[in-house]
Amino acid sequence: MQDVITMLQNLHRPRLMMRAARIGADQYRRGAHLPRLLGYGVLPRHGAALMRLMEIEATLEEQRTLSDAGYSMIRHLDVLIALVGEARVLRAAQHRGST
């Protein structure tokens, strides 16, 4: 099974969406963004949050590619911003742990 970082690296979305997500991730605040996306309560660890966000994003991507009437680009971007933000935190934590 692939690790979360590899799965994120293999995620291919339109360039403009990913650019917007990277820009938005600069302002990402876990405590404010994750509850809105994953539900309120105790926040999951970074790896678990990434896995849940990836499941949500896969559903949104399917809706986008099928031109589903219920698709929300704003929600999709919110999820991508959270994915990028959580991935940055996870990479930083892994980097700190390896030095």
PDB file of N, CA and C in Angstrom:
ATOM      1  N   MET A   1       0.839  -1.180   0.000  1.00  0.00           N
ATOM      2  CA  MET A   1       0.000   0.000   0.000  1.00  0.00           C
ATOM      3  C   MET A   1       0.889   1.250   0.000  1.00  0.00           C
ATOM      4  N   GLN A   2       0.493   2.232  -0.764  1.00  0.00           N
ATOM      5  CA  GLN A   2       1.268   3.464  -0.866  1.00  0.00           C
ATOM      6  C   GLN A   2       1.112   4.295   0.395  1.00  0.00           C
ATOM      7  N   ASP A   3       2.165   5.044   0.745  1.00  0.00           N
ATOM      8  CA  ASP A   3       2.026   5.950   1.874  1.00  0.00           C
ATOM      9  C   ASP A   3       1.266   7.196   1.415  1.00  0.00           C
ATOM     10  N   VAL A   4       0.849   7.989   2.372  1.00  0.00           N
ATOM     11  CA  VAL A   4      -0.012   9.143   2.095  1.00  0.00           C
ATOM     12  C   VAL A   4       0.693  10.160   1.201  1.00  0.00           C
ATOM     13  N   ILE A   5       1.969  10.421   1.449  1.00  0.00           N
ATOM     14  CA  ILE A   5       2.706  11.412   0.656  1.00  0.00           C
ATOM     15  C   ILE A   5       2.798  10.969  -0.799  1.00  0.00           C
ATOM     16  N   THR A   6       3.058   9.682  -1.032  1.00  0.00           N
ATOM     17  CA  THR A   6       3.122   9.170  -2.406  1.00  0.00           C
ATOM     18  C   THR A   6       1.764   9.289  -3.085  1.00  0.00           C
ATOM     19  N   MET A   7       0.711   9.004  -2.334  1.00  0.00           N
ATOM     20  CA  MET A   7      -0.633   9.129  -2.906  1.00  0.00           C
ATOM     21  C   MET A   7      -0.904  10.577  -3.300  1.00  0.00           C
ATOM     22  N   LEU A   8      -0.472  11.524  -2.482  1.00  0.00           N
ATOM     23  CA  LEU A   8      -0.663  12.937  -2.802  1.00  0.00           C
ATOM     24  C   LEU A   8       0.159  13.347  -4.020  1.00  0.00           C
ATOM     25  N   GLN A   9       1.375  12.822  -4.136  1.00  0.00           N
ATOM     26  CA  GLN A   9       2.216  13.154  -5.274  1.00  0.00           C
ATOM     27  C   GLN A   9       1.627  12.616  -6.573  1.00  0.00           C
ATOM     28  N   ASN A  10       0.877  11.524  -6.486  1.00  0.00           N
ATOM     29  CA  ASN A  10       0.266  10.925  -7.670  1.00  0.00           C
ATOM     30  C   ASN A  10      -1.096  11.540  -8.003  1.00  0.00           C
ATOM     31  N   LEU A  11      -1.524  12.505  -7.209  1.00  0.00           N
ATOM     32  CA  LEU A  11      -2.802  13.173  -7.433  1.00  0.00           C
ATOM     33  C   LEU A  11      -2.634  14.204  -8.548  1.00  0.00           C
ATOM     34  N   HIS A  12      -3.333  14.020  -9.647  1.00  0.00           N
ATOM     35  CA  HIS A  12      -3.223  14.940 -10.786  1.00  0.00           C
ATOM     36  C   HIS A  12      -4.569  15.625 -11.007  1.00  0.00           C
ATOM     37  N   ARG A  13      -4.558  16.926 -10.784  1.00  0.00           N
ATOM     38  CA  ARG A  13      -5.747  17.749 -10.960  1.00  0.00           C
ATOM     39  C   ARG A  13      -5.396  18.906 -11.874  1.00  0.00           C
ATOM     40  N   PRO A  14      -6.396  19.629 -12.389  1.00  0.00           N
ATOM     41  CA  PRO A  14      -6.100  20.770 -13.267  1.00  0.00           C
ATOM     42  C   PRO A  14      -5.121  21.736 -12.598  1.00  0.00           C
ATOM     43  N   ARG A  15      -4.199  22.236 -13.386  1.00  0.00           N
ATOM     44  CA  ARG A  15      -3.126  23.101 -12.898  1.00  0.00           C
ATOM     45  C   ARG A  15      -3.650  24.313 -12.129  1.00  0.00           C
ATOM     46  N   LEU A  16      -4.694  24.933 -12.643  1.00  0.00           N
ATOM     47  CA  LEU A  16      -5.237  26.126 -11.993  1.00  0.00           C
ATOM     48  C   LEU A  16      -5.813  25.788 -10.618  1.00  0.00           C
ATOM     49  N   MET A  17      -6.487  24.655 -10.487  1.00  0.00           N
ATOM     50  CA  MET A  17      -7.031  24.239  -9.192  1.00  0.00           C
ATOM     51  C   MET A  17      -5.910  24.020  -8.184  1.00  0.00           C
ATOM     52  N   MET A  18      -4.852  23.346  -8.612  1.00  0.00           N
ATOM     53  CA  MET A  18      -3.748  23.060  -7.697  1.00  0.00           C
ATOM     54  C   MET A  18      -2.989  24.331  -7.327  1.00  0.00           C
ATOM     55  N   ARG A  19      -2.880  25.239  -8.274  1.00  0.00           N
ATOM     56  CA  ARG A  19      -2.223  26.516  -7.971  1.00  0.00           C
ATOM     57  C   ARG A  19      -3.026  27.278  -6.918  1.00  0.00           C
ATOM     58  N   ALA A  20      -4.342  27.318  -7.094  1.00  0.00           N
ATOM     59  CA  ALA A  20      -5.208  27.988  -6.118  1.00  0.00           C
ATOM     60  C   ALA A  20      -5.116  27.297  -4.756  1.00  0.00           C
ATOM     61  N   ALA A  21      -5.036  25.976  -4.752  1.00  0.00           N
ATOM     62  CA  ALA A  21      -4.931  25.234  -3.493  1.00  0.00           C
ATOM     63  C   ALA A  21      -3.617  25.541  -2.775  1.00  0.00           C
ATOM     64  N   ARG A  22      -2.519  25.612  -3.526  1.00  0.00           N
ATOM     65  CA  ARG A  22      -1.221  25.927  -2.903  1.00  0.00           C
ATOM     66  C   ARG A  22      -1.219  27.342  -2.328  1.00  0.00           C
ATOM     67  N   ILE A  23      -1.823  28.275  -3.050  1.00  0.00           N
ATOM     68  CA  ILE A  23      -1.899  29.647  -2.551  1.00  0.00           C
ATOM     69  C   ILE A  23      -2.783  29.694  -1.298  1.00  0.00           C
ATOM     70  N   GLY A  24      -3.915  29.033  -1.350  1.00  0.00           N
ATOM     71  CA  GLY A  24      -4.821  29.003  -0.207  1.00  0.00           C
ATOM     72  C   GLY A  24      -4.222  28.312   1.003  1.00  0.00           C
ATOM     73  N   ALA A  25      -3.367  27.317   0.769  1.00  0.00           N
ATOM     74  CA  ALA A  25      -2.752  26.568   1.873  1.00  0.00           C
ATOM     75  C   ALA A  25      -1.825  27.439   2.704  1.00  0.00           C
ATOM     76  N   ASP A  26      -1.358  28.551   2.134  1.00  0.00           N
ATOM     77  CA  ASP A  26      -0.523  29.477   2.910  1.00  0.00           C
ATOM     78  C   ASP A  26      -1.299  30.057   4.091  1.00  0.00           C
ATOM     79  N   GLN A  27      -2.611  30.140   3.968  1.00  0.00           N
ATOM     80  CA  GLN A  27      -3.465  30.684   5.029  1.00  0.00           C
ATOM     81  C   GLN A  27      -4.211  29.580   5.789  1.00  0.00           C
ATOM     82  N   TYR A  28      -3.854  28.322   5.544  1.00  0.00           N
ATOM     83  CA  TYR A  28      -4.542  27.183   6.150  1.00  0.00           C
ATOM     84  C   TYR A  28      -4.346  27.163   7.661  1.00  0.00           C
ATOM     85  N   ARG A  29      -5.457  27.039   8.365  1.00  0.00           N
ATOM     86  CA  ARG A  29      -5.439  26.887   9.820  1.00  0.00           C
ATOM     87  C   ARG A  29      -6.250  25.641  10.149  1.00  0.00           C
ATOM     88  N   ARG A  30      -5.569  24.653  10.619  1.00  0.00           N
ATOM     89  CA  ARG A  30      -6.157  23.346  10.892  1.00  0.00           C
ATOM     90  C   ARG A  30      -7.415  23.442  11.755  1.00  0.00           C
ATOM     91  N   GLY A  31      -7.331  24.182  12.838  1.00  0.00           N
ATOM     92  CA  GLY A  31      -8.457  24.283  13.771  1.00  0.00           C
ATOM     93  C   GLY A  31      -9.687  24.947  13.188  1.00  0.00           C
ATOM     94  N   ALA A  32      -9.497  25.785  12.203  1.00  0.00           N
ATOM     95  CA  ALA A  32     -10.634  26.467  11.578  1.00  0.00           C
ATOM     96  C   ALA A  32     -11.158  25.713  10.355  1.00  0.00           C
ATOM     97  N   HIS A  33     -10.274  25.119   9.586  1.00  0.00           N
ATOM     98  CA  HIS A  33     -10.679  24.490   8.330  1.00  0.00           C
ATOM     99  C   HIS A  33     -11.177  23.051   8.484  1.00  0.00           C
ATOM    100  N   LEU A  34     -10.448  22.232   9.241  1.00  0.00           N
ATOM    101  CA  LEU A  34     -10.818  20.814   9.316  1.00  0.00           C
ATOM    102  C   LEU A  34     -12.204  20.550   9.886  1.00  0.00           C
ATOM    103  N   PRO A  35     -12.604  21.212  10.960  1.00  0.00           N
ATOM    104  CA  PRO A  35     -13.962  20.921  11.465  1.00  0.00           C
ATOM    105  C   PRO A  35     -15.044  21.162  10.420  1.00  0.00           C
ATOM    106  N   ARG A  36     -14.872  22.191   9.622  1.00  0.00           N
ATOM    107  CA  ARG A  36     -15.862  22.502   8.590  1.00  0.00           C
ATOM    108  C   ARG A  36     -15.927  21.389   7.538  1.00  0.00           C
ATOM    109  N   LEU A  37     -14.784  20.756   7.275  1.00  0.00           N
ATOM    110  CA  LEU A  37     -14.730  19.732   6.236  1.00  0.00           C
ATOM    111  C   LEU A  37     -15.003  18.331   6.763  1.00  0.00           C
ATOM    112  N   LEU A  38     -14.527  18.039   7.971  1.00  0.00           N
ATOM    113  CA  LEU A  38     -14.615  16.674   8.503  1.00  0.00           C
ATOM    114  C   LEU A  38     -15.655  16.505   9.592  1.00  0.00           C
ATOM    115  N   GLY A  39     -16.210  17.600  10.060  1.00  0.00           N
ATOM    116  CA  GLY A  39     -17.169  17.534  11.149  1.00  0.00           C
ATOM    117  C   GLY A  39     -16.517  17.985  12.442  1.00  0.00           C
ATOM    118  N   TYR A  40     -17.325  18.448  13.329  1.00  0.00           N
ATOM    119  CA  TYR A  40     -16.814  18.995  14.579  1.00  0.00           C
ATOM    120  C   TYR A  40     -16.537  17.878  15.562  1.00  0.00           C
ATOM    121  N   GLY A  41     -15.675  18.151  16.490  1.00  0.00           N
ATOM    122  CA  GLY A  41     -15.262  17.175  17.487  1.00  0.00           C
ATOM    123  C   GLY A  41     -13.747  17.159  17.547  1.00  0.00           C
ATOM    124  N   VAL A  42     -13.207  16.086  18.048  1.00  0.00           N
ATOM    125  CA  VAL A  42     -11.757  15.959  18.168  1.00  0.00           C
ATOM    126  C   VAL A  42     -11.155  15.822  16.767  1.00  0.00           C
ATOM    127  N   LEU A  43     -10.147  16.636  16.492  1.00  0.00           N
ATOM    128  CA  LEU A  43      -9.495  16.582  15.182  1.00  0.00           C
ATOM    129  C   LEU A  43      -8.640  15.334  15.075  1.00  0.00           C
ATOM    130  N   PRO A  44      -8.694  14.643  13.934  1.00  0.00           N
ATOM    131  CA  PRO A  44      -7.861  13.445  13.755  1.00  0.00           C
ATOM    132  C   PRO A  44      -6.396  13.832  13.573  1.00  0.00           C
ATOM    133  N   ARG A  45      -5.516  12.853  13.736  1.00  0.00           N
ATOM    134  CA  ARG A  45      -4.096  13.070  13.489  1.00  0.00           C
ATOM    135  C   ARG A  45      -3.913  13.415  12.012  1.00  0.00           C
ATOM    136  N   HIS A  46      -2.745  13.938  11.666  1.00  0.00           N
ATOM    137  CA  HIS A  46      -2.510  14.420  10.301  1.00  0.00           C
ATOM    138  C   HIS A  46      -2.708  13.330   9.252  1.00  0.00           C
ATOM    139  N   GLY A  47      -2.172  12.146   9.474  1.00  0.00           N
ATOM    140  CA  GLY A  47      -2.312  11.056   8.503  1.00  0.00           C
ATOM    141  C   GLY A  47      -3.758  10.653   8.305  1.00  0.00           C
ATOM    142  N   ALA A  48      -4.479  10.523   9.399  1.00  0.00           N
ATOM    143  CA  ALA A  48      -5.897  10.145   9.326  1.00  0.00           C
ATOM    144  C   ALA A  48      -6.713  11.245   8.650  1.00  0.00           C
ATOM    145  N   ALA A  49      -6.384  12.495   8.960  1.00  0.00           N
ATOM    146  CA  ALA A  49      -7.090  13.612   8.322  1.00  0.00           C
ATOM    147  C   ALA A  49      -6.841  13.603   6.818  1.00  0.00           C
ATOM    148  N   LEU A  50      -5.593  13.355   6.424  1.00  0.00           N
ATOM    149  CA  LEU A  50      -5.275  13.300   4.991  1.00  0.00           C
ATOM    150  C   LEU A  50      -6.048  12.192   4.287  1.00  0.00           C
ATOM    151  N   MET A  51      -6.149  11.043   4.910  1.00  0.00           N
ATOM    152  CA  MET A  51      -6.878   9.938   4.283  1.00  0.00           C
ATOM    153  C   MET A  51      -8.360  10.291   4.105  1.00  0.00           C
ATOM    154  N   ARG A  52      -8.964  10.883   5.117  1.00  0.00           N
ATOM    155  CA  ARG A  52     -10.374  11.285   5.007  1.00  0.00           C
ATOM    156  C   ARG A  52     -10.554  12.366   3.956  1.00  0.00           C
ATOM    157  N   LEU A  53      -9.633  13.324   3.919  1.00  0.00           N
ATOM    158  CA  LEU A  53      -9.705  14.384   2.909  1.00  0.00           C
ATOM    159  C   LEU A  53      -9.546  13.813   1.507  1.00  0.00           C
ATOM    160  N   MET A  54      -8.681  12.819   1.365  1.00  0.00           N
ATOM    161  CA  MET A  54      -8.497  12.208   0.045  1.00  0.00           C
ATOM    162  C   MET A  54      -9.754  11.477  -0.414  1.00  0.00           C
ATOM    163  N   GLU A  55     -10.463  10.849   0.515  1.00  0.00           N
ATOM    164  CA  GLU A  55     -11.728  10.191   0.167  1.00  0.00           C
ATOM    165  C   GLU A  55     -12.755  11.220  -0.298  1.00  0.00           C
ATOM    166  N   ILE A  56     -12.854  12.317   0.439  1.00  0.00           N
ATOM    167  CA  ILE A  56     -13.794  13.385   0.068  1.00  0.00           C
ATOM    168  C   ILE A  56     -13.416  13.964  -1.287  1.00  0.00           C
ATOM    169  N   GLU A  57     -12.111  14.200  -1.485  1.00  0.00           N
ATOM    170  CA  GLU A  57     -11.642  14.798  -2.734  1.00  0.00           C
ATOM    171  C   GLU A  57     -11.903  13.876  -3.913  1.00  0.00           C
ATOM    172  N   ALA A  58     -11.739  12.570  -3.727  1.00  0.00           N
ATOM    173  CA  ALA A  58     -11.992  11.613  -4.821  1.00  0.00           C
ATOM    174  C   ALA A  58     -13.460  11.682  -5.250  1.00  0.00           C
ATOM    175  N   THR A  59     -14.361  11.806  -4.297  1.00  0.00           N
ATOM    176  CA  THR A  59     -15.783  11.938  -4.617  1.00  0.00           C
ATOM    177  C   THR A  59     -16.047  13.230  -5.384  1.00  0.00           C
ATOM    178  N   LEU A  60     -15.429  14.318  -4.918  1.00  0.00           N
ATOM    179  CA  LEU A  60     -15.602  15.605  -5.602  1.00  0.00           C
ATOM    180  C   LEU A  60     -15.013  15.568  -7.006  1.00  0.00           C
ATOM    181  N   GLU A  61     -13.882  14.907  -7.164  1.00  0.00           N
ATOM    182  CA  GLU A  61     -13.267  14.809  -8.489  1.00  0.00           C
ATOM    183  C   GLU A  61     -14.152  14.009  -9.440  1.00  0.00           C
ATOM    184  N   GLU A  62     -14.766  12.960  -8.917  1.00  0.00           N
ATOM    185  CA  GLU A  62     -15.689  12.177  -9.748  1.00  0.00           C
ATOM    186  C   GLU A  62     -16.873  13.039 -10.170  1.00  0.00           C
ATOM    187  N   GLN A  63     -17.414  13.812  -9.241  1.00  0.00           N
ATOM    188  CA  GLN A  63     -18.522  14.709  -9.575  1.00  0.00           C
ATOM    189  C   GLN A  63     -18.085  15.730 -10.625  1.00  0.00           C
ATOM    190  N   ARG A  64     -16.868  16.256 -10.478  1.00  0.00           N
ATOM    191  CA  ARG A  64     -16.374  17.263 -11.426  1.00  0.00           C
ATOM    192  C   ARG A  64     -16.250  16.676 -12.823  1.00  0.00           C
ATOM    193  N   THR A  65     -15.661  15.498 -12.923  1.00  0.00           N
ATOM    194  CA  THR A  65     -15.433  14.911 -14.243  1.00  0.00           C
ATOM    195  C   THR A  65     -16.731  14.453 -14.901  1.00  0.00           C
ATOM    196  N   LEU A  66     -17.732  14.136 -14.085  1.00  0.00           N
ATOM    197  CA  LEU A  66     -19.027  13.726 -14.637  1.00  0.00           C
ATOM    198  C   LEU A  66     -19.972  14.900 -14.851  1.00  0.00           C
ATOM    199  N   SER A  67     -19.493  16.124 -14.537  1.00  0.00           N
ATOM    200  CA  SER A  67     -20.324  17.331 -14.630  1.00  0.00           C
ATOM    201  C   SER A  67     -21.606  17.191 -13.826  1.00  0.00           C
ATOM    202  N   ASP A  68     -21.492  16.622 -12.642  1.00  0.00           N
ATOM    203  CA  ASP A  68     -22.621  16.422 -11.731  1.00  0.00           C
ATOM    204  C   ASP A  68     -23.187  17.783 -11.321  1.00  0.00           C
ATOM    205  N   ALA A  69     -24.499  17.902 -11.317  1.00  0.00           N
ATOM    206  CA  ALA A  69     -25.149  19.167 -10.968  1.00  0.00           C
ATOM    207  C   ALA A  69     -24.892  19.555  -9.512  1.00  0.00           C
ATOM    208  N   GLY A  70     -24.588  18.594  -8.657  1.00  0.00           N
ATOM    209  CA  GLY A  70     -24.343  18.873  -7.249  1.00  0.00           C
ATOM    210  C   GLY A  70     -22.899  19.228  -6.932  1.00  0.00           C
ATOM    211  N   TYR A  71     -22.064  19.274  -7.960  1.00  0.00           N
ATOM    212  CA  TYR A  71     -20.643  19.559  -7.750  1.00  0.00           C
ATOM    213  C   TYR A  71     -20.430  21.001  -7.318  1.00  0.00           C
ATOM    214  N   SER A  72     -19.558  21.185  -6.317  1.00  0.00           N
ATOM    215  CA  SER A  72     -19.220  22.525  -5.840  1.00  0.00           C
ATOM    216  C   SER A  72     -17.713  22.736  -5.973  1.00  0.00           C
ATOM    217  N   MET A  73     -17.316  23.629  -6.868  1.00  0.00           N
ATOM    218  CA  MET A  73     -15.895  23.902  -7.044  1.00  0.00           C
ATOM    219  C   MET A  73     -15.313  24.531  -5.774  1.00  0.00           C
ATOM    220  N   ILE A  74     -16.103  25.352  -5.088  1.00  0.00           N
ATOM    221  CA  ILE A  74     -15.624  25.986  -3.865  1.00  0.00           C
ATOM    222  C   ILE A  74     -15.300  24.929  -2.812  1.00  0.00           C
ATOM    223  N   ARG A  75     -16.182  23.961  -2.637  1.00  0.00           N
ATOM    224  CA  ARG A  75     -15.914  22.877  -1.675  1.00  0.00           C
ATOM    225  C   ARG A  75     -14.693  22.077  -2.113  1.00  0.00           C
ATOM    226  N   HIS A  76     -14.589  21.805  -3.417  1.00  0.00           N
ATOM    227  CA  HIS A  76     -13.446  21.055  -3.938  1.00  0.00           C
ATOM    228  C   HIS A  76     -12.147  21.800  -3.618  1.00  0.00           C
ATOM    229  N   LEU A  77     -12.126  23.106  -3.845  1.00  0.00           N
ATOM    230  CA  LEU A  77     -10.934  23.900  -3.531  1.00  0.00           C
ATOM    231  C   LEU A  77     -10.661  23.914  -2.031  1.00  0.00           C
ATOM    232  N   ASP A  78     -11.698  24.006  -1.208  1.00  0.00           N
ATOM    233  CA  ASP A  78     -11.504  23.939   0.246  1.00  0.00           C
ATOM    234  C   ASP A  78     -10.826  22.636   0.653  1.00  0.00           C
ATOM    235  N   VAL A  79     -11.269  21.542   0.068  1.00  0.00           N
ATOM    236  CA  VAL A  79     -10.690  20.237   0.385  1.00  0.00           C
ATOM    237  C   VAL A  79      -9.246  20.164  -0.114  1.00  0.00           C
ATOM    238  N   LEU A  80      -8.988  20.657  -1.326  1.00  0.00           N
ATOM    239  CA  LEU A  80      -7.616  20.650  -1.850  1.00  0.00           C
ATOM    240  C   LEU A  80      -6.692  21.530  -1.004  1.00  0.00           C
ATOM    241  N   ILE A  81      -7.190  22.672  -0.540  1.00  0.00           N
ATOM    242  CA  ILE A  81      -6.399  23.542   0.333  1.00  0.00           C
ATOM    243  C   ILE A  81      -6.042  22.789   1.619  1.00  0.00           C
ATOM    244  N   ALA A  82      -7.016  22.109   2.200  1.00  0.00           N
ATOM    245  CA  ALA A  82      -6.760  21.344   3.421  1.00  0.00           C
ATOM    246  C   ALA A  82      -5.779  20.209   3.154  1.00  0.00           C
ATOM    247  N   LEU A  83      -5.908  19.538   2.001  1.00  0.00           N
ATOM    248  CA  LEU A  83      -4.968  18.471   1.640  1.00  0.00           C
ATOM    249  C   LEU A  83      -3.541  19.000   1.563  1.00  0.00           C
ATOM    250  N   VAL A  84      -3.361  20.094   0.871  1.00  0.00           N
ATOM    251  CA  VAL A  84      -2.026  20.673   0.725  1.00  0.00           C
ATOM    252  C   VAL A  84      -1.501  21.135   2.090  1.00  0.00           C
ATOM    253  N   GLY A  85      -2.351  21.782   2.869  1.00  0.00           N
ATOM    254  CA  GLY A  85      -1.940  22.257   4.192  1.00  0.00           C
ATOM    255  C   GLY A  85      -1.550  21.117   5.115  1.00  0.00           C
ATOM    256  N   GLU A  86      -2.360  20.070   5.164  1.00  0.00           N
ATOM    257  CA  GLU A  86      -2.049  18.912   6.007  1.00  0.00           C
ATOM    258  C   GLU A  86      -0.791  18.194   5.521  1.00  0.00           C
ATOM    259  N   ALA A  87      -0.624  18.107   4.223  1.00  0.00           N
ATOM    260  CA  ALA A  87       0.576  17.457   3.676  1.00  0.00           C
ATOM    261  C   ALA A  87       1.830  18.234   4.063  1.00  0.00           C
ATOM    262  N   ARG A  88       1.749  19.552   4.044  1.00  0.00           N
ATOM    263  CA  ARG A  88       2.900  20.371   4.433  1.00  0.00           C
ATOM    264  C   ARG A  88       3.269  20.117   5.892  1.00  0.00           C
ATOM    265  N   VAL A  89       2.257  20.054   6.747  1.00  0.00           N
ATOM    266  CA  VAL A  89       2.516  19.820   8.168  1.00  0.00           C
ATOM    267  C   VAL A  89       3.108  18.427   8.377  1.00  0.00           C
ATOM    268  N   LEU A  90       2.560  17.431   7.679  1.00  0.00           N
ATOM    269  CA  LEU A  90       3.051  16.063   7.804  1.00  0.00           C
ATOM    270  C   LEU A  90       4.480  15.940   7.314  1.00  0.00           C
ATOM    271  N   ARG A  91       4.779  16.564   6.175  1.00  0.00           N
ATOM    272  CA  ARG A  91       6.168  16.537   5.652  1.00  0.00           C
ATOM    273  C   ARG A  91       7.129  17.200   6.617  1.00  0.00           C
ATOM    274  N   ALA A  92       6.715  18.324   7.184  1.00  0.00           N
ATOM    275  CA  ALA A  92       7.581  19.043   8.142  1.00  0.00           C
ATOM    276  C   ALA A  92       7.822  18.162   9.374  1.00  0.00           C
ATOM    277  N   ALA A  93       6.798  17.493   9.847  1.00  0.00           N
ATOM    278  CA  ALA A  93       6.946  16.629  11.019  1.00  0.00           C
ATOM    279  C   ALA A  93       7.858  15.440  10.702  1.00  0.00           C
ATOM    280  N   GLN A  94       7.728  14.872   9.515  1.00  0.00           N
ATOM    281  CA  GLN A  94       8.609  13.769   9.117  1.00  0.00           C
ATOM    282  C   GLN A  94      10.042  14.234   8.977  1.00  0.00           C
ATOM    283  N   HIS A  95      10.206  15.446   8.435  1.00  0.00           N
ATOM    284  CA  HIS A  95      11.544  15.987   8.259  1.00  0.00           C
ATOM    285  C   HIS A  95      12.203  16.233   9.615  1.00  0.00           C
ATOM    286  N   ARG A  96      11.447  16.789  10.559  1.00  0.00           N
ATOM    287  CA  ARG A  96      11.975  17.027  11.909  1.00  0.00           C
ATOM    288  C   ARG A  96      12.351  15.715  12.580  1.00  0.00           C
ATOM    289  N   GLY A  97      11.543  14.681  12.339  1.00  0.00           N
ATOM    290  CA  GLY A  97      11.797  13.385  12.953  1.00  0.00           C
ATOM    291  C   GLY A  97      13.015  12.673  12.394  1.00  0.00           C
ATOM    292  N   SER A  98      13.384  12.996  11.155  1.00  0.00           N
ATOM    293  CA  SER A  98      14.516  12.320  10.523  1.00  0.00           C
ATOM    294  C   SER A  98      15.841  13.027  10.765  1.00  0.00           C
ATOM    295  N   THR A  99      15.804  14.223  11.341  1.00  0.00           N
ATOM    296  CA  THR A  99      17.068  14.942  11.598  1.00  0.00           C
ATOM    297  C   THR A  99      17.490  14.857  13.033  1.00  0.00           C
TER     298      THR A  99
END
